Each structure stands twice: as structure tokens, then as C-alpha cells.
C-alpha atoms as a PDB file:
ATOM      1  CA  MET A   1     -50.036 146.123 -88.029  1.00  0.00           C
ATOM      2  CA  SER A   2     -51.633 145.322 -91.371  1.00  0.00           C
ATOM      3  CA  GLU A   3     -55.230 146.270 -91.984  1.00  0.00           C
ATOM      4  CA  HIS A   4     -56.178 142.583 -91.920  1.00  0.00           C
ATOM      5  CA  ALA A   5     -54.307 141.697 -88.719  1.00  0.00           C
ATOM      6  CA  GLU A   6     -56.353 140.248 -85.896  1.00  0.00           C
ATOM      7  CA  PRO A   7     -56.984 142.797 -83.111  1.00  0.00           C
ATOM      8  CA  GLN A   8     -55.051 141.995 -79.972  1.00  0.00           C
ATOM      9  CA  PRO A   9     -56.955 141.441 -76.721  1.00  0.00           C
ATOM     10  CA  VAL A  10     -56.430 143.926 -73.911  1.00  0.00           C
ATOM     11  CA  PRO A  11     -54.089 142.238 -71.412  1.00  0.00           C
ATOM     12  CA  PRO A  12     -54.987 141.872 -67.725  1.00  0.00           C
ATOM     13  CA  SER A  13     -54.100 144.863 -65.579  1.00  0.00           C
ATOM     14  CA  SER A  14     -50.969 144.333 -63.489  1.00  0.00           C
ATOM     15  CA  VAL A  15     -50.770 147.754 -61.778  1.00  0.00           C
ATOM     16  CA  VAL A  16     -54.136 149.146 -60.692  1.00  0.00           C
ATOM     17  CA  LEU A  17     -55.040 152.526 -59.214  1.00  0.00           C
ATOM     18  CA  VAL A  18     -58.022 152.447 -56.828  1.00  0.00           C
ATOM     19  CA  SER A  19     -59.547 155.731 -55.690  1.00  0.00           C
ATOM     20  CA  GLY A  20     -61.374 155.709 -52.375  1.00  0.00           C
ATOM     21  CA  GLY A  21     -59.439 152.617 -51.360  1.00  0.00           C
ATOM     22  CA  SER A  22     -59.348 153.073 -47.595  1.00  0.00           C
ATOM     23  CA  ARG A  23     -62.619 151.495 -46.460  1.00  0.00           C
ATOM     24  CA  GLY A  24     -65.684 149.550 -47.539  1.00  0.00           C
ATOM     25  CA  LEU A  25     -65.782 148.306 -51.107  1.00  0.00           C
ATOM     26  CA  GLY A  26     -62.623 150.180 -52.099  1.00  0.00           C
ATOM     27  CA  LEU A  27     -60.582 148.528 -49.358  1.00  0.00           C
ATOM     28  CA  ALA A  28     -62.022 145.123 -50.273  1.00  0.00           C
ATOM     29  CA  ILE A  29     -60.982 145.643 -53.908  1.00  0.00           C
ATOM     30  CA  VAL A  30     -57.456 146.631 -52.854  1.00  0.00           C
ATOM     31  CA  ALA A  31     -57.098 143.569 -50.601  1.00  0.00           C
ATOM     32  CA  ASP A  32     -58.445 141.221 -53.268  1.00  0.00           C
ATOM     33  CA  LEU A  33     -56.062 142.507 -55.951  1.00  0.00           C
ATOM     34  CA  LEU A  34     -53.101 142.210 -53.589  1.00  0.00           C
ATOM     35  CA  ASP A  35     -54.114 138.611 -52.852  1.00  0.00           C
ATOM     36  CA  ARG A  36     -53.894 137.950 -56.608  1.00  0.00           C
ATOM     37  CA  GLY A  37     -50.384 139.354 -56.890  1.00  0.00           C
ATOM     38  CA  VAL A  38     -51.435 142.649 -58.483  1.00  0.00           C
ATOM     39  CA  ARG A  39     -49.538 145.837 -57.645  1.00  0.00           C
ATOM     40  CA  VAL A  40     -51.929 148.461 -56.318  1.00  0.00           C
ATOM     41  CA  ALA A  41     -51.884 152.219 -55.832  1.00  0.00           C
ATOM     42  CA  ALA A  42     -54.685 153.334 -53.520  1.00  0.00           C
ATOM     43  CA  PHE A  43     -55.647 156.742 -52.241  1.00  0.00           C
ATOM     44  CA  ALA A  44     -58.423 158.288 -50.203  1.00  0.00           C
ATOM     45  CA  ARG A  45     -58.982 161.524 -48.351  1.00  0.00           C
ATOM     46  CA  THR A  46     -57.894 159.722 -45.185  1.00  0.00           C
ATOM     47  CA  VAL A  47     -55.656 156.665 -45.012  1.00  0.00           C
ATOM     48  CA  THR A  48     -57.315 154.323 -42.526  1.00  0.00           C
ATOM     49  CA  PRO A  49     -55.508 151.925 -40.177  1.00  0.00           C
ATOM     50  CA  GLU A  50     -56.818 149.071 -42.337  1.00  0.00           C
ATOM     51  CA  LEU A  51     -55.136 150.470 -45.445  1.00  0.00           C
ATOM     52  CA  ASP A  52     -51.975 151.221 -43.462  1.00  0.00           C
ATOM     53  CA  LYS A  53     -51.935 147.572 -42.337  1.00  0.00           C
ATOM     54  CA  LEU A  54     -52.152 146.347 -45.931  1.00  0.00           C
ATOM     55  CA  ALA A  55     -49.331 148.706 -46.908  1.00  0.00           C
ATOM     56  CA  ALA A  56     -47.141 147.279 -44.135  1.00  0.00           C
ATOM     57  CA  GLU A  57     -47.944 143.725 -45.241  1.00  0.00           C
ATOM     58  CA  HIS A  58     -47.226 144.475 -48.921  1.00  0.00           C
ATOM     59  CA  PRO A  59     -44.520 147.162 -48.917  1.00  0.00           C
ATOM     60  CA  ASP A  60     -43.376 146.377 -52.450  1.00  0.00           C
ATOM     61  CA  ARG A  61     -46.821 146.037 -54.034  1.00  0.00           C
ATOM     62  CA  LEU A  62     -49.007 148.701 -52.390  1.00  0.00           C
ATOM     63  CA  HIS A  63     -48.489 152.431 -52.670  1.00  0.00           C
ATOM     64  CA  ALA A  64     -51.016 154.281 -50.501  1.00  0.00           C
ATOM     65  CA  GLY A  65     -51.496 157.896 -49.553  1.00  0.00           C
ATOM     66  CA  PRO A  66     -53.976 160.635 -48.610  1.00  0.00           C
ATOM     67  CA  VAL A  67     -55.389 162.388 -51.674  1.00  0.00           C
ATOM     68  CA  ASP A  68     -58.678 164.215 -52.145  1.00  0.00           C
ATOM     69  CA  VAL A  69     -59.947 162.987 -55.520  1.00  0.00           C
ATOM     70  CA  THR A  70     -61.105 166.521 -56.350  1.00  0.00           C
ATOM     71  CA  ASP A  71     -57.500 167.801 -56.079  1.00  0.00           C
ATOM     72  CA  LEU A  72     -56.237 167.053 -59.583  1.00  0.00           C
ATOM     73  CA  ALA A  73     -52.693 168.280 -58.882  1.00  0.00           C
ATOM     74  CA  ALA A  74     -52.430 165.976 -55.863  1.00  0.00           C
ATOM     75  CA  ALA A  75     -53.810 163.074 -57.904  1.00  0.00           C
ATOM     76  CA  GLN A  76     -51.247 163.734 -60.644  1.00  0.00           C
ATOM     77  CA  ALA A  77     -48.407 163.749 -58.111  1.00  0.00           C
ATOM     78  CA  PHE A  78     -49.692 160.522 -56.552  1.00  0.00           C
ATOM     79  CA  VAL A  79     -49.853 158.809 -59.953  1.00  0.00           C
ATOM     80  CA  ARG A  80     -46.279 159.842 -60.766  1.00  0.00           C
ATOM     81  CA  ASP A  81     -45.005 158.554 -57.419  1.00  0.00           C
ATOM     82  CA  ALA A  82     -46.981 155.321 -57.784  1.00  0.00           C
ATOM     83  CA  GLU A  83     -45.517 154.605 -61.228  1.00  0.00           C
ATOM     84  CA  VAL A  84     -41.988 155.184 -59.915  1.00  0.00           C
ATOM     85  CA  ARG A  85     -42.607 152.622 -57.166  1.00  0.00           C
ATOM     86  CA  LEU A  86     -44.818 150.093 -58.935  1.00  0.00           C
ATOM     87  CA  GLY A  87     -44.390 150.571 -62.670  1.00  0.00           C
ATOM     88  CA  PRO A  88     -46.783 151.907 -65.318  1.00  0.00           C
ATOM     89  CA  ILE A  89     -50.431 151.883 -64.268  1.00  0.00           C
ATOM     90  CA  ASP A  90     -52.648 149.901 -66.649  1.00  0.00           C
ATOM     91  CA  GLY A  91     -55.827 149.634 -64.598  1.00  0.00           C
ATOM     92  CA  LEU A  92     -58.132 152.129 -62.883  1.00  0.00           C
ATOM     93  CA  VAL A  93     -61.016 151.662 -60.458  1.00  0.00           C
ATOM     94  CA  ASN A  94     -62.999 154.861 -59.962  1.00  0.00           C
ATOM     95  CA  ASN A  95     -64.504 154.150 -56.556  1.00  0.00           C
ATOM     96  CA  ALA A  96     -64.207 157.394 -54.563  1.00  0.00           C
ATOM     97  CA  ALA A  97     -67.591 159.024 -53.973  1.00  0.00           C
ATOM     98  CA  ILE A  98     -69.662 160.844 -51.394  1.00  0.00           C
ATOM     99  CA  GLY A  99     -73.279 160.179 -50.556  1.00  0.00           C
ATOM    100  CA  GLN A 100     -76.320 162.350 -50.000  1.00  0.00           C
ATOM    101  CA  ASP A 101     -78.922 162.475 -47.271  1.00  0.00           C
ATOM    102  CA  SER A 102     -81.333 165.232 -48.222  1.00  0.00           C
ATOM    103  CA  LEU A 103     -84.386 165.742 -50.374  1.00  0.00           C
ATOM    104  CA  HIS A 104     -83.511 167.729 -53.489  1.00  0.00           C
ATOM    105  CA  VAL A 105     -85.597 170.743 -52.442  1.00  0.00           C
ATOM    106  CA  HIS A 106     -83.578 170.939 -49.226  1.00  0.00           C
ATOM    107  CA  THR A 107     -80.124 170.339 -50.731  1.00  0.00           C
ATOM    108  CA  ALA A 108     -77.923 173.421 -50.658  1.00  0.00           C
ATOM    109  CA  THR A 109     -76.359 174.659 -53.885  1.00  0.00           C
ATOM    110  CA  GLY A 110     -72.901 174.102 -52.437  1.00  0.00           C
ATOM    111  CA  ASP A 111     -73.742 170.508 -51.529  1.00  0.00           C
ATOM    112  CA  ILE A 112     -74.980 169.779 -55.046  1.00  0.00           C
ATOM    113  CA  ALA A 113     -71.754 171.207 -56.460  1.00  0.00           C
ATOM    114  CA  ARG A 114     -69.646 169.139 -54.030  1.00  0.00           C
ATOM    115  CA  ILE A 115     -71.445 165.891 -54.926  1.00  0.00           C
ATOM    116  CA  ILE A 116     -71.045 166.539 -58.657  1.00  0.00           C
ATOM    117  CA  GLU A 117     -67.386 167.529 -58.314  1.00  0.00           C
ATOM    118  CA  THR A 118     -66.501 164.455 -56.237  1.00  0.00           C
ATOM    119  CA  ASN A 119     -68.608 161.808 -57.965  1.00  0.00           C
ATOM    120  CA  LEU A 120     -68.543 162.940 -61.593  1.00  0.00           C
ATOM    121  CA  THR A 121     -66.031 165.670 -62.436  1.00  0.00           C
ATOM    122  CA  ALA A 122     -63.139 164.210 -60.432  1.00  0.00           C
ATOM    123  CA  PRO A 123     -63.372 160.640 -61.794  1.00  0.00           C
ATOM    124  CA  LEU A 124     -63.651 161.974 -65.340  1.00  0.00           C
ATOM    125  CA  GLN A 125     -60.490 164.007 -64.787  1.00  0.00           C
ATOM    126  CA  LEU A 126     -58.669 161.074 -63.184  1.00  0.00           C
ATOM    127  CA  THR A 127     -59.703 158.844 -66.074  1.00  0.00           C
ATOM    128  CA  ARG A 128     -58.457 161.390 -68.603  1.00  0.00           C
ATOM    129  CA  LEU A 129     -55.129 161.579 -66.753  1.00  0.00           C
ATOM    130  CA  LEU A 130     -54.627 157.805 -66.782  1.00  0.00           C
ATOM    131  CA  VAL A 131     -55.839 157.315 -70.361  1.00  0.00           C
ATOM    132  CA  ARG A 132     -53.460 159.996 -71.600  1.00  0.00           C
ATOM    133  CA  ARG A 133     -50.547 158.334 -69.818  1.00  0.00           C
ATOM    134  CA  MET A 134     -51.416 154.875 -71.094  1.00  0.00           C
ATOM    135  CA  LEU A 135     -51.908 155.980 -74.686  1.00  0.00           C
ATOM    136  CA  GLY A 136     -48.808 158.165 -74.594  1.00  0.00           C
ATOM    137  CA  GLN A 137     -46.739 155.180 -73.506  1.00  0.00           C
ATOM    138  CA  GLY A 138     -48.313 152.860 -76.065  1.00  0.00           C
ATOM    139  CA  ARG A 139     -50.056 150.789 -73.403  1.00  0.00           C
ATOM    140  CA  ARG A 140     -53.527 149.321 -73.233  1.00  0.00           C
ATOM    141  CA  GLY A 141     -55.556 149.081 -70.077  1.00  0.00           C
ATOM    142  CA  ARG A 142     -58.817 148.570 -68.268  1.00  0.00           C
ATOM    143  CA  ILE A 143     -61.114 150.965 -66.458  1.00  0.00           C
ATOM    144  CA  VAL A 144     -63.854 150.025 -63.990  1.00  0.00           C
ATOM    145  CA  ASN A 145     -66.246 152.689 -62.747  1.00  0.00           C
ATOM    146  CA  ILE A 146     -68.110 151.917 -59.533  1.00  0.00           C
ATOM    147  CA  THR A 147     -71.541 153.434 -60.039  1.00  0.00           C
ATOM    148  CA  SER A 148     -74.839 152.517 -58.370  1.00  0.00           C
ATOM    149  CA  ILE A 149     -78.257 151.066 -58.884  1.00  0.00           C
ATOM    150  CA  CYS A 150     -79.419 154.620 -58.082  1.00  0.00           C
ATOM    151  CA  ALA A 151     -78.488 155.536 -61.652  1.00  0.00           C
ATOM    152  CA  GLN A 152     -81.204 153.206 -62.932  1.00  0.00           C
ATOM    153  CA  ARG A 153     -83.926 153.445 -60.289  1.00  0.00           C
ATOM    154  CA  GLY A 154     -85.373 156.365 -58.394  1.00  0.00           C
ATOM    155  CA  PHE A 155     -84.790 156.815 -54.661  1.00  0.00           C
ATOM    156  CA  PRO A 156     -85.888 159.878 -52.660  1.00  0.00           C
ATOM    157  CA  GLY A 157     -83.119 161.820 -50.998  1.00  0.00           C
ATOM    158  CA  LEU A 158     -80.524 160.802 -53.596  1.00  0.00           C
ATOM    159  CA  VAL A 159     -81.241 163.040 -56.580  1.00  0.00           C
ATOM    160  CA  ALA A 160     -77.796 164.641 -57.043  1.00  0.00           C
ATOM    161  CA  TYR A 161     -76.017 161.401 -56.126  1.00  0.00           C
ATOM    162  CA  SER A 162     -78.087 159.452 -58.658  1.00  0.00           C
ATOM    163  CA  ALA A 163     -77.396 162.057 -61.339  1.00  0.00           C
ATOM    164  CA  THR A 164     -73.638 161.656 -60.893  1.00  0.00           C
ATOM    165  CA  LYS A 165     -73.808 157.872 -61.051  1.00  0.00           C
ATOM    166  CA  GLY A 166     -75.979 158.035 -64.156  1.00  0.00           C
ATOM    167  CA  GLY A 167     -73.401 160.363 -65.662  1.00  0.00           C
ATOM    168  CA  MET A 168     -70.642 157.848 -65.008  1.00  0.00           C
ATOM    169  CA  ASP A 169     -72.704 155.069 -66.596  1.00  0.00           C
ATOM    170  CA  ALA A 170     -73.114 157.222 -69.719  1.00  0.00           C
ATOM    171  CA  ALA A 171     -69.419 158.125 -69.711  1.00  0.00           C
ATOM    172  CA  THR A 172     -68.555 154.432 -69.510  1.00  0.00           C
ATOM    173  CA  ARG A 173     -70.414 153.664 -72.728  1.00  0.00           C
ATOM    174  CA  SER A 174     -69.068 156.688 -74.586  1.00  0.00           C
ATOM    175  CA  LEU A 175     -65.448 156.169 -73.536  1.00  0.00           C
ATOM    176  CA  ALA A 176     -65.560 152.510 -74.556  1.00  0.00           C
ATOM    177  CA  ARG A 177     -66.656 153.645 -78.023  1.00  0.00           C
ATOM    178  CA  GLU A 178     -64.139 156.483 -78.129  1.00  0.00           C
ATOM    179  CA  LEU A 179     -61.174 154.257 -77.279  1.00  0.00           C
ATOM    180  CA  GLY A 180     -62.051 151.777 -79.997  1.00  0.00           C
ATOM    181  CA  GLY A 181     -60.987 148.625 -78.180  1.00  0.00           C
ATOM    182  CA  ARG A 182     -57.610 149.931 -77.040  1.00  0.00           C
ATOM    183  CA  MET A 183     -58.974 149.760 -73.502  1.00  0.00           C
ATOM    184  CA  LEU A 184     -61.860 147.971 -71.864  1.00  0.00           C
ATOM    185  CA  VAL A 185     -64.149 150.387 -70.032  1.00  0.00           C
ATOM    186  CA  ASN A 186     -66.971 149.068 -67.859  1.00  0.00           C
ATOM    187  CA  ALA A 187     -69.022 149.971 -64.816  1.00  0.00           C
ATOM    188  CA  VAL A 188     -70.226 147.939 -61.870  1.00  0.00           C
ATOM    189  CA  ALA A 189     -73.459 149.137 -60.268  1.00  0.00           C
ATOM    190  CA  PRO A 190     -73.948 147.656 -56.795  1.00  0.00           C
ATOM    191  CA  GLY A 191     -77.223 147.657 -54.959  1.00  0.00           C
ATOM    192  CA  PHE A 192     -77.381 149.200 -51.514  1.00  0.00           C
ATOM    193  CA  PHE A 193     -74.734 148.173 -49.026  1.00  0.00           C
ATOM    194  CA  ALA A 194     -75.463 147.835 -45.323  1.00  0.00           C
ATOM    195  CA  SER A 195     -73.078 150.728 -44.672  1.00  0.00           C
ATOM    196  CA  GLU A 196     -72.892 154.440 -44.019  1.00  0.00           C
ATOM    197  CA  MET A 197     -73.700 155.081 -47.696  1.00  0.00           C
ATOM    198  CA  SER A 198     -77.099 153.399 -47.352  1.00  0.00           C
ATOM    199  CA  ALA A 199     -77.873 154.801 -43.906  1.00  0.00           C
ATOM    200  CA  VAL A 200     -79.433 157.842 -45.571  1.00  0.00           C
ATOM    201  CA  LEU A 201     -82.419 155.730 -46.642  1.00  0.00           C
ATOM    202  CA  GLY A 202     -83.483 154.785 -43.145  1.00  0.00           C
ATOM    203  CA  ARG A 203     -84.404 151.383 -41.771  1.00  0.00           C
ATOM    204  CA  THR A 204     -87.919 151.324 -43.227  1.00  0.00           C
ATOM    205  CA  GLN A 205     -86.821 151.875 -46.823  1.00  0.00           C
ATOM    206  CA  LEU A 206     -83.921 149.437 -46.465  1.00  0.00           C
ATOM    207  CA  ASP A 207     -86.324 146.802 -45.149  1.00  0.00           C
ATOM    208  CA  GLN A 208     -88.552 147.372 -48.183  1.00  0.00           C
ATOM    209  CA  ILE A 209     -85.570 146.900 -50.497  1.00  0.00           C
ATOM    210  CA  VAL A 210     -84.654 143.643 -48.765  1.00  0.00           C
ATOM    211  CA  ARG A 211     -88.231 142.343 -49.033  1.00  0.00           C
ATOM    212  CA  ARG A 212     -88.327 142.902 -52.794  1.00  0.00           C
ATOM    213  CA  THR A 213     -84.850 141.418 -53.353  1.00  0.00           C
ATOM    214  CA  PRO A 214     -85.086 137.769 -54.456  1.00  0.00           C
ATOM    215  CA  SER A 215     -81.728 136.950 -52.837  1.00  0.00           C
ATOM    216  CA  GLY A 216     -83.108 138.283 -49.550  1.00  0.00           C
ATOM    217  CA  HIS A 217     -80.301 140.569 -48.442  1.00  0.00           C
ATOM    218  CA  LEU A 218     -78.535 143.839 -49.181  1.00  0.00           C
ATOM    219  CA  THR A 219     -75.446 143.769 -51.346  1.00  0.00           C
ATOM    220  CA  GLU A 220     -72.142 142.871 -49.688  1.00  0.00           C
ATOM    221  CA  PRO A 221     -68.719 144.081 -50.885  1.00  0.00           C
ATOM    222  CA  ALA A 222     -67.631 140.442 -51.188  1.00  0.00           C
ATOM    223  CA  GLU A 223     -70.317 139.978 -53.862  1.00  0.00           C
ATOM    224  CA  VAL A 224     -69.054 142.915 -55.925  1.00  0.00           C
ATOM    225  CA  VAL A 225     -65.305 142.313 -55.681  1.00  0.00           C
ATOM    226  CA  PRO A 226     -65.238 139.227 -57.977  1.00  0.00           C
ATOM    227  CA  VAL A 227     -66.967 141.211 -60.744  1.00  0.00           C
ATOM    228  CA  VAL A 228     -64.423 144.027 -60.487  1.00  0.00           C
ATOM    229  CA  ARG A 229     -61.604 141.480 -60.503  1.00  0.00           C
ATOM    230  CA  MET A 230     -62.996 139.796 -63.607  1.00  0.00           C
ATOM    231  CA  LEU A 231     -63.193 143.082 -65.497  1.00  0.00           C
ATOM    232  CA  LEU A 232     -59.593 143.906 -64.570  1.00  0.00           C
ATOM    233  CA  ARG A 233     -57.977 140.502 -64.826  1.00  0.00           C
ATOM    234  CA  GLU A 234     -59.940 138.020 -66.952  1.00  0.00           C
ATOM    235  CA  GLN A 235     -59.939 137.691 -70.729  1.00  0.00           C
ATOM    236  CA  THR A 236     -63.388 138.904 -71.720  1.00  0.00           C
ATOM    237  CA  ASN A 237     -65.075 140.764 -74.538  1.00  0.00           C
ATOM    238  CA  ILE A 238     -67.068 142.850 -72.063  1.00  0.00           C
ATOM    239  CA  ASN A 239     -66.767 146.517 -72.968  1.00  0.00           C
ATOM    240  CA  GLY A 240     -68.974 149.563 -72.432  1.00  0.00           C
ATOM    241  CA  GLN A 241     -71.297 147.692 -70.077  1.00  0.00           C
ATOM    242  CA  VAL A 242     -72.881 148.418 -66.702  1.00  0.00           C
ATOM    243  CA  ILE A 243     -73.048 145.236 -64.643  1.00  0.00           C
ATOM    244  CA  VAL A 244     -75.630 145.352 -61.847  1.00  0.00           C
ATOM    245  CA  VAL A 245     -74.971 143.444 -58.616  1.00  0.00           C
ATOM    246  CA  ASP A 246     -78.088 143.774 -56.470  1.00  0.00           C
ATOM    247  CA  GLY A 247     -79.659 140.333 -56.052  1.00  0.00           C
ATOM    248  CA  ALA A 248     -82.313 141.195 -58.694  1.00  0.00           C
ATOM    249  CA  ALA A 249     -83.828 143.925 -56.524  1.00  0.00           C
ATOM    250  CA  SER A 250     -84.086 146.135 -59.604  1.00  0.00           C
ATOM    251  CA  VAL A 251     -85.618 143.523 -61.887  1.00  0.00           C
END
């Protein structure tokens, strides 16, 4: 390439790895990508019947298995097997995470370490693994980090969780700069879902969030999935950004 050649756009991802793809938003992302003809590798600590059903319906386009995201060796083995079955991975959705349900003063040291390892250290390691493989094979790709509105607003009982999501937002911006356009790296920060992840807040606090949300309801996975799909599949110049999907609750 000459020094005056036009930079080439990053192509849409055709083989996407989704961590935490067995339920909730992760499962919805897997199903949506399969509906669009994308080949998907999805893992979670436990493969649910719903993910098993998708695997049976798409035997040639979905590779699924049980992997703890904190087990780097297991993740490496899964990636190798997935690329044998599906082809080179050129997209990553870092979705696997665990929640928190305790005030910081009552959170055990071991629990803080577990939240940080699962929500921050593990996705950084998985990202490094995939980026190394893509660059080593001369490929370009896209990375989408699922973070949270908790990274931008304060919520009691979610201190360690919020810290990890804020860390992933910061990593998103830095990695986009570091890769210099060879990959598109973005984050999607959903508001609270009506799910087990938001149950830690309690009904009163959730009701308060709904009342101050102009759209009048908590975030649904179906409202987040199209944004993830766009970042993986559409031709955009979006890079290093955190896109909030919360009905303007945080405005």
C-alpha cells in the first residue's frame, strides 16, 4: 500500500465469538446473528437448553460449549475448535459478566477479586487472544464490549461491578486508538434490564429508574441487539465509542 492510498474500511464480521451467550442479552445476540447468516461461536459457564436448541437448529453455523471466561486455557481451546469448524473469527462480543448485590463495605475481598477477574481481566485477556490471532493472520475485525450505564452513573450496591464496566469503557477507547483503524472497537452500555442482573437494586429503586426514564420502561435486550448488530455488520465510521441504550434515563 502506498503512503497515499485510501485506507480500507473494516469489513463486516462473518464469524463472531460471543462470550456469555447462553441466556439474556448474550443469547439474543447469538440468535440475531444467526438469523442474519453469521457464523457464531458462543460459550458460557453453562450451556442452557435455549443455546442447545439454537445449536441443533444451526449445526453448521453455531459452535457452542461450556467455558468459564476466567479460564484462559479453556477459552483458547474453544477458539481453536471454533475456527476449525467455522473459519477464522473476525468479530468478538465481550458479554460475559457477573453482577453484585452488596454494599462495598460489606463486599468480601474474594468477591471483589471474582468480579474484577470475570468482568475486566477475563475480557481483556480474551480480546488480546483474538486480536493477536486476527493480526497474525492479516485480518481485520470488530470488537463490541457490553458494558453498563453503571460505568457512568452511581448506584449503591454496585461499586465493584461499576468499576469493571468503567474499566472496559476506558479499554475500548484506548484499544481503538492502539489498533489504528485496523479494527473497530466499541462498547454498548445498556440501562438496567428487568432481569436477574437488575434484581439487586430492589423494586423501589427500579421503579425510581423507570419514573425518570423518558421512554417509560427498563431496557429490553431487543433494544440493544440492533446496536450490537450495527457495530458488527454495518459500514460505519464508529470507533472507540460507548453507545448508551437506556431510554435517556441517564440524561
